[in-house]
Each structure stands twice: as structure tokens, then as C-alpha cells.
PDB file of all heavy atoms in Angstrom:
ATOM      1  N   ARG A   1      -5.011  -1.021  23.446  1.00  0.00           N
ATOM      2  CA  ARG A   1      -3.996  -1.733  24.216  1.00  0.00           C
ATOM      3  C   ARG A   1      -3.075  -2.602  23.347  1.00  0.00           C
ATOM      4  O   ARG A   1      -2.194  -3.291  23.870  1.00  0.00           O
ATOM      5  CB  ARG A   1      -4.672  -2.626  25.256  1.00  0.00           C
ATOM      6  CG  ARG A   1      -5.508  -3.774  24.690  1.00  0.00           C
ATOM      7  CD  ARG A   1      -6.073  -4.632  25.809  1.00  0.00           C
ATOM      8  NE  ARG A   1      -6.729  -5.840  25.328  1.00  0.00           N
ATOM      9  CZ  ARG A   1      -8.000  -5.912  24.992  1.00  0.00           C
ATOM     10  NH1 ARG A   1      -8.763  -4.836  25.056  1.00  0.00           N
ATOM     11  NH2 ARG A   1      -8.520  -7.054  24.582  1.00  0.00           N
ATOM     12  N   ALA A   2      -3.284  -2.585  22.033  1.00  0.00           N
ATOM     13  CA  ALA A   2      -2.483  -3.420  21.137  1.00  0.00           C
ATOM     14  C   ALA A   2      -1.012  -3.019  21.169  1.00  0.00           C
ATOM     15  O   ALA A   2      -0.672  -1.832  21.303  1.00  0.00           O
ATOM     16  CB  ALA A   2      -3.018  -3.348  19.719  1.00  0.00           C
ATOM     17  N   ALA A   3      -0.151  -4.020  21.033  1.00  0.00           N
ATOM     18  CA  ALA A   3       1.290  -3.764  20.958  1.00  0.00           C
ATOM     19  C   ALA A   3       1.773  -3.694  19.520  1.00  0.00           C
ATOM     20  O   ALA A   3       2.870  -3.211  19.243  1.00  0.00           O
ATOM     21  CB  ALA A   3       2.060  -4.870  21.695  1.00  0.00           C
ATOM     22  N   VAL A   4       0.941  -4.189  18.590  1.00  0.00           N
ATOM     23  CA  VAL A   4       1.301  -4.227  17.173  1.00  0.00           C
ATOM     24  C   VAL A   4       0.162  -3.631  16.357  1.00  0.00           C
ATOM     25  O   VAL A   4      -0.999  -3.972  16.542  1.00  0.00           O
ATOM     26  CB  VAL A   4       1.554  -5.676  16.699  1.00  0.00           C
ATOM     27  CG1 VAL A   4       1.993  -5.694  15.231  1.00  0.00           C
ATOM     28  CG2 VAL A   4       2.588  -6.371  17.572  1.00  0.00           C
ATOM     29  N   ALA A   5       0.501  -2.713  15.458  1.00  0.00           N
ATOM     30  CA  ALA A   5      -0.454  -2.192  14.482  1.00  0.00           C
ATOM     31  C   ALA A   5       0.108  -2.494  13.095  1.00  0.00           C
ATOM     32  O   ALA A   5       1.299  -2.299  12.850  1.00  0.00           O
ATOM     33  CB  ALA A   5      -0.663  -0.694  14.655  1.00  0.00           C
ATOM     34  N   LEU A   6      -0.735  -2.992  12.221  1.00  0.00           N
ATOM     35  CA  LEU A   6      -0.233  -3.405  10.916  1.00  0.00           C
ATOM     36  C   LEU A   6      -1.212  -3.108   9.804  1.00  0.00           C
ATOM     37  O   LEU A   6      -2.420  -2.981  10.021  1.00  0.00           O
ATOM     38  CB  LEU A   6       0.103  -4.888  10.910  1.00  0.00           C
ATOM     39  CG  LEU A   6      -1.052  -5.860  11.165  1.00  0.00           C
ATOM     40  CD1 LEU A   6      -0.910  -7.092  10.274  1.00  0.00           C
ATOM     41  CD2 LEU A   6      -1.047  -6.306  12.633  1.00  0.00           C
ATOM     42  N   SER A   7      -0.648  -3.002   8.629  1.00  0.00           N
ATOM     43  CA  SER A   7      -1.439  -2.748   7.435  1.00  0.00           C
ATOM     44  C   SER A   7      -1.544  -4.027   6.625  1.00  0.00           C
ATOM     45  O   SER A   7      -0.670  -4.905   6.688  1.00  0.00           O
ATOM     46  CB  SER A   7      -0.745  -1.666   6.595  1.00  0.00           C
ATOM     47  OG  SER A   7      -1.202  -1.688   5.264  1.00  0.00           O
ATOM     48  N   GLY A   8      -2.624  -4.122   5.848  1.00  0.00           N
ATOM     49  CA  GLY A   8      -2.647  -5.149   4.822  1.00  0.00           C
ATOM     50  C   GLY A   8      -1.604  -4.792   3.777  1.00  0.00           C
ATOM     51  O   GLY A   8      -1.078  -3.671   3.764  1.00  0.00           O
ATOM     52  N   TYR A   9      -1.278  -5.718   2.904  1.00  0.00           N
ATOM     53  CA  TYR A   9      -0.272  -5.411   1.888  1.00  0.00           C
ATOM     54  C   TYR A   9      -0.744  -5.896   0.529  1.00  0.00           C
ATOM     55  O   TYR A   9      -1.597  -6.779   0.412  1.00  0.00           O
ATOM     56  CB  TYR A   9       1.074  -6.035   2.241  1.00  0.00           C
ATOM     57  CG  TYR A   9       1.127  -7.547   2.156  1.00  0.00           C
ATOM     58  CD1 TYR A   9       1.536  -8.178   0.985  1.00  0.00           C
ATOM     59  CD2 TYR A   9       0.776  -8.331   3.236  1.00  0.00           C
ATOM     60  CE1 TYR A   9       1.577  -9.562   0.901  1.00  0.00           C
ATOM     61  CE2 TYR A   9       0.815  -9.707   3.173  1.00  0.00           C
ATOM     62  CZ  TYR A   9       1.220 -10.320   2.001  1.00  0.00           C
ATOM     63  OH  TYR A   9       1.250 -11.690   1.929  1.00  0.00           O
ATOM     64  N   CYS A  10      -0.227  -5.277  -0.503  1.00  0.00           N
ATOM     65  CA  CYS A  10      -0.542  -5.723  -1.849  1.00  0.00           C
ATOM     66  C   CYS A  10       0.756  -6.019  -2.587  1.00  0.00           C
ATOM     67  O   CYS A  10       1.771  -5.343  -2.379  1.00  0.00           O
ATOM     68  CB  CYS A  10      -1.357  -4.675  -2.593  1.00  0.00           C
ATOM     69  SG  CYS A  10      -0.529  -3.110  -2.877  1.00  0.00           S
ATOM     70  N   ARG A  11       0.713  -7.035  -3.395  1.00  0.00           N
ATOM     71  CA  ARG A  11       1.853  -7.388  -4.231  1.00  0.00           C
ATOM     72  C   ARG A  11       1.712  -6.652  -5.557  1.00  0.00           C
ATOM     73  O   ARG A  11       0.676  -6.747  -6.214  1.00  0.00           O
ATOM     74  CB  ARG A  11       1.901  -8.895  -4.473  1.00  0.00           C
ATOM     75  CG  ARG A  11       2.116  -9.711  -3.189  1.00  0.00           C
ATOM     76  CD  ARG A  11       2.030 -11.204  -3.465  1.00  0.00           C
ATOM     77  NE  ARG A  11       2.191 -11.985  -2.268  1.00  0.00           N
ATOM     78  CZ  ARG A  11       3.358 -12.439  -1.815  1.00  0.00           C
ATOM     79  NH1 ARG A  11       4.460 -12.188  -2.506  1.00  0.00           N
ATOM     80  NH2 ARG A  11       3.437 -13.140  -0.712  1.00  0.00           N
ATOM     81  N   VAL A  12       2.736  -5.923  -5.934  1.00  0.00           N
ATOM     82  CA  VAL A  12       2.650  -5.109  -7.145  1.00  0.00           C
ATOM     83  C   VAL A  12       3.984  -5.148  -7.879  1.00  0.00           C
ATOM     84  O   VAL A  12       5.044  -5.189  -7.259  1.00  0.00           O
ATOM     85  CB  VAL A  12       2.244  -3.661  -6.786  1.00  0.00           C
ATOM     86  CG1 VAL A  12       3.242  -3.037  -5.833  1.00  0.00           C
ATOM     87  CG2 VAL A  12       2.039  -2.814  -8.025  1.00  0.00           C
ATOM     88  N   SER A  13       3.912  -5.158  -9.205  1.00  0.00           N
ATOM     89  CA  SER A  13       5.136  -5.198 -10.002  1.00  0.00           C
ATOM     90  C   SER A  13       5.854  -3.859  -9.934  1.00  0.00           C
ATOM     91  O   SER A  13       5.261  -2.823  -9.604  1.00  0.00           O
ATOM     92  CB  SER A  13       4.796  -5.529 -11.461  1.00  0.00           C
ATOM     93  OG  SER A  13       4.063  -4.464 -12.042  1.00  0.00           O
ATOM     94  N   SER A  14       7.132  -3.862 -10.253  1.00  0.00           N
ATOM     95  CA  SER A  14       7.911  -2.624 -10.263  1.00  0.00           C
ATOM     96  C   SER A  14       7.295  -1.590 -11.195  1.00  0.00           C
ATOM     97  O   SER A  14       7.260  -0.393 -10.891  1.00  0.00           O
ATOM     98  CB  SER A  14       9.352  -2.923 -10.697  1.00  0.00           C
ATOM     99  OG  SER A  14      10.062  -3.593  -9.690  1.00  0.00           O
ATOM    100  N   GLU A  15       6.779  -2.064 -12.336  1.00  0.00           N
ATOM    101  CA  GLU A  15       6.219  -1.157 -13.329  1.00  0.00           C
ATOM    102  C   GLU A  15       4.955  -0.468 -12.822  1.00  0.00           C
ATOM    103  O   GLU A  15       4.667   0.673 -13.200  1.00  0.00           O
ATOM    104  CB  GLU A  15       5.904  -1.923 -14.620  1.00  0.00           C
ATOM    105  CG  GLU A  15       7.120  -2.514 -15.328  1.00  0.00           C
ATOM    106  CD  GLU A  15       7.644  -3.777 -14.662  1.00  0.00           C
ATOM    107  OE1 GLU A  15       6.902  -4.351 -13.831  1.00  0.00           O
ATOM    108  OE2 GLU A  15       8.790  -4.166 -14.955  1.00  0.00           O
ATOM    109  N   ASP A  16       4.194  -1.143 -11.964  1.00  0.00           N
ATOM    110  CA  ASP A  16       2.898  -0.611 -11.523  1.00  0.00           C
ATOM    111  C   ASP A  16       2.934   0.032 -10.143  1.00  0.00           C
ATOM    112  O   ASP A  16       1.929   0.602  -9.705  1.00  0.00           O
ATOM    113  CB  ASP A  16       1.860  -1.739 -11.506  1.00  0.00           C
ATOM    114  CG  ASP A  16       1.635  -2.343 -12.886  1.00  0.00           C
ATOM    115  OD1 ASP A  16       1.830  -1.609 -13.879  1.00  0.00           O
ATOM    116  OD2 ASP A  16       1.272  -3.533 -12.963  1.00  0.00           O
ATOM    117  N   LEU A  17       4.063  -0.063  -9.433  1.00  0.00           N
ATOM    118  CA  LEU A  17       4.090   0.375  -8.038  1.00  0.00           C
ATOM    119  C   LEU A  17       3.772   1.865  -7.889  1.00  0.00           C
ATOM    120  O   LEU A  17       2.918   2.248  -7.081  1.00  0.00           O
ATOM    121  CB  LEU A  17       5.451   0.058  -7.407  1.00  0.00           C
ATOM    122  CG  LEU A  17       5.531   0.265  -5.890  1.00  0.00           C
ATOM    123  CD1 LEU A  17       6.463  -0.761  -5.262  1.00  0.00           C
ATOM    124  CD2 LEU A  17       6.051   1.663  -5.556  1.00  0.00           C
ATOM    125  N   CYS A  18       4.432   2.712  -8.650  1.00  0.00           N
ATOM    126  CA  CYS A  18       4.227   4.160  -8.510  1.00  0.00           C
ATOM    127  C   CYS A  18       2.789   4.549  -8.842  1.00  0.00           C
ATOM    128  O   CYS A  18       2.187   5.385  -8.157  1.00  0.00           O
ATOM    129  CB  CYS A  18       5.200   4.915  -9.416  1.00  0.00           C
ATOM    130  SG  CYS A  18       6.910   4.862  -8.845  1.00  0.00           S
ATOM    131  N   GLU A  19       2.239   3.945  -9.880  1.00  0.00           N
ATOM    132  CA  GLU A  19       0.864   4.249 -10.268  1.00  0.00           C
ATOM    133  C   GLU A  19      -0.119   3.813  -9.183  1.00  0.00           C
ATOM    134  O   GLU A  19      -1.047   4.553  -8.842  1.00  0.00           O
ATOM    135  CB  GLU A  19       0.531   3.566 -11.593  1.00  0.00           C
ATOM    136  CG  GLU A  19      -0.875   3.867 -12.094  1.00  0.00           C
ATOM    137  CD  GLU A  19      -1.168   3.199 -13.429  1.00  0.00           C
ATOM    138  OE1 GLU A  19      -0.241   2.595 -14.006  1.00  0.00           O
ATOM    139  OE2 GLU A  19      -2.330   3.265 -13.877  1.00  0.00           O
ATOM    140  N   ARG A  20       0.104   2.609  -8.623  1.00  0.00           N
ATOM    141  CA  ARG A  20      -0.777   2.104  -7.570  1.00  0.00           C
ATOM    142  C   ARG A  20      -0.689   2.992  -6.319  1.00  0.00           C
ATOM    143  O   ARG A  20      -1.709   3.325  -5.697  1.00  0.00           O
ATOM    144  CB  ARG A  20      -0.407   0.670  -7.223  1.00  0.00           C
ATOM    145  CG  ARG A  20      -1.155   0.071  -6.039  1.00  0.00           C
ATOM    146  CD  ARG A  20      -2.657  -0.009  -6.286  1.00  0.00           C
ATOM    147  NE  ARG A  20      -3.365  -0.473  -5.109  1.00  0.00           N
ATOM    148  CZ  ARG A  20      -3.609  -1.758  -4.832  1.00  0.00           C
ATOM    149  NH1 ARG A  20      -3.207  -2.706  -5.659  1.00  0.00           N
ATOM    150  NH2 ARG A  20      -4.276  -2.088  -3.743  1.00  0.00           N
ATOM    151  N   LEU A  21       0.510   3.398  -5.978  1.00  0.00           N
ATOM    152  CA  LEU A  21       0.710   4.255  -4.811  1.00  0.00           C
ATOM    153  C   LEU A  21       0.015   5.600  -5.009  1.00  0.00           C
ATOM    154  O   LEU A  21      -0.628   6.133  -4.098  1.00  0.00           O
ATOM    155  CB  LEU A  21       2.210   4.455  -4.570  1.00  0.00           C
ATOM    156  CG  LEU A  21       2.645   5.233  -3.333  1.00  0.00           C
ATOM    157  CD1 LEU A  21       2.046   4.642  -2.079  1.00  0.00           C
ATOM    158  CD2 LEU A  21       4.169   5.248  -3.231  1.00  0.00           C
ATOM    159  N   PHE A  22       0.117   6.142  -6.213  1.00  0.00           N
ATOM    160  CA  PHE A  22      -0.524   7.429  -6.512  1.00  0.00           C
ATOM    161  C   PHE A  22      -2.044   7.303  -6.437  1.00  0.00           C
ATOM    162  O   PHE A  22      -2.727   8.156  -5.863  1.00  0.00           O
ATOM    163  CB  PHE A  22      -0.110   7.934  -7.896  1.00  0.00           C
ATOM    164  CG  PHE A  22      -0.809   9.189  -8.324  1.00  0.00           C
ATOM    165  CD1 PHE A  22      -0.447  10.422  -7.792  1.00  0.00           C
ATOM    166  CD2 PHE A  22      -1.847   9.134  -9.255  1.00  0.00           C
ATOM    167  CE1 PHE A  22      -1.103  11.579  -8.173  1.00  0.00           C
ATOM    168  CE2 PHE A  22      -2.508  10.291  -9.645  1.00  0.00           C
ATOM    169  CZ  PHE A  22      -2.142  11.517  -9.104  1.00  0.00           C
ATOM    170  N   GLU A  23      -2.591   6.243  -7.022  1.00  0.00           N
ATOM    171  CA  GLU A  23      -4.039   6.037  -7.016  1.00  0.00           C
ATOM    172  C   GLU A  23      -4.577   5.910  -5.584  1.00  0.00           C
ATOM    173  O   GLU A  23      -5.588   6.509  -5.227  1.00  0.00           O
ATOM    174  CB  GLU A  23      -4.399   4.791  -7.824  1.00  0.00           C
ATOM    175  CG  GLU A  23      -4.191   4.949  -9.323  1.00  0.00           C
ATOM    176  CD  GLU A  23      -4.479   3.660 -10.065  1.00  0.00           C
ATOM    177  OE1 GLU A  23      -4.711   2.619  -9.400  1.00  0.00           O
ATOM    178  OE2 GLU A  23      -4.464   3.677 -11.311  1.00  0.00           O
ATOM    179  N   ASP A  24      -3.882   5.127  -4.765  1.00  0.00           N
ATOM    180  CA  ASP A  24      -4.323   4.938  -3.379  1.00  0.00           C
ATOM    181  C   ASP A  24      -4.203   6.227  -2.577  1.00  0.00           C
ATOM    182  O   ASP A  24      -5.017   6.480  -1.671  1.00  0.00           O
ATOM    183  CB  ASP A  24      -3.506   3.833  -2.702  1.00  0.00           C
ATOM    184  CG  ASP A  24      -3.884   2.447  -3.204  1.00  0.00           C
ATOM    185  OD1 ASP A  24      -4.855   2.340  -3.973  1.00  0.00           O
ATOM    186  OD2 ASP A  24      -3.199   1.473  -2.834  1.00  0.00           O
ATOM    187  N   SER A  25      -3.210   7.036  -2.870  1.00  0.00           N
ATOM    188  CA  SER A  25      -3.007   8.291  -2.146  1.00  0.00           C
ATOM    189  C   SER A  25      -4.123   9.286  -2.442  1.00  0.00           C
ATOM    190  O   SER A  25      -4.421  10.159  -1.613  1.00  0.00           O
ATOM    191  CB  SER A  25      -1.657   8.913  -2.526  1.00  0.00           C
ATOM    192  OG  SER A  25      -0.590   8.043  -2.199  1.00  0.00           O
ATOM    193  N   CYS A  26      -4.762   9.155  -3.598  1.00  0.00           N
ATOM    194  CA  CYS A  26      -5.831  10.072  -3.983  1.00  0.00           C
ATOM    195  C   CYS A  26      -7.192   9.665  -3.419  1.00  0.00           C
ATOM    196  O   CYS A  26      -8.128  10.477  -3.390  1.00  0.00           O
ATOM    197  CB  CYS A  26      -5.933  10.154  -5.511  1.00  0.00           C
ATOM    198  SG  CYS A  26      -4.484  10.904  -6.289  1.00  0.00           S
ATOM    199  N   LYS A  27      -7.301   8.436  -2.978  1.00  0.00           N
ATOM    200  CA  LYS A  27      -8.581   7.949  -2.451  1.00  0.00           C
ATOM    201  C   LYS A  27      -8.838   8.516  -1.062  1.00  0.00           C
ATOM    202  O   LYS A  27      -7.944   8.585  -0.230  1.00  0.00           O
ATOM    203  CB  LYS A  27      -8.583   6.417  -2.400  1.00  0.00           C
ATOM    204  CG  LYS A  27      -8.539   5.747  -3.773  1.00  0.00           C
ATOM    205  CD  LYS A  27      -8.478   4.244  -3.628  1.00  0.00           C
ATOM    206  CE  LYS A  27      -8.388   3.560  -4.986  1.00  0.00           C
ATOM    207  NZ  LYS A  27      -8.254   2.090  -4.858  1.00  0.00           N
TER     208      LYS A  27
END
């Protein structure tokens, strides 16, 4: 019945963003 669904978030530098996204996508 929730009206809002949300994700936690992580703060990541520009240099590390793509690598972090790739690692999480593989999990």
C-alpha cells in the first residue's frame, strides 16, 4: 500500500562511479 518506494544511496566520486556501478550490477 506504500505510495513511495526508495533506494538507499551511496556517495561516490566521479572516478569510481562506473566501477562501483559495474561491481553492484554483478552481485
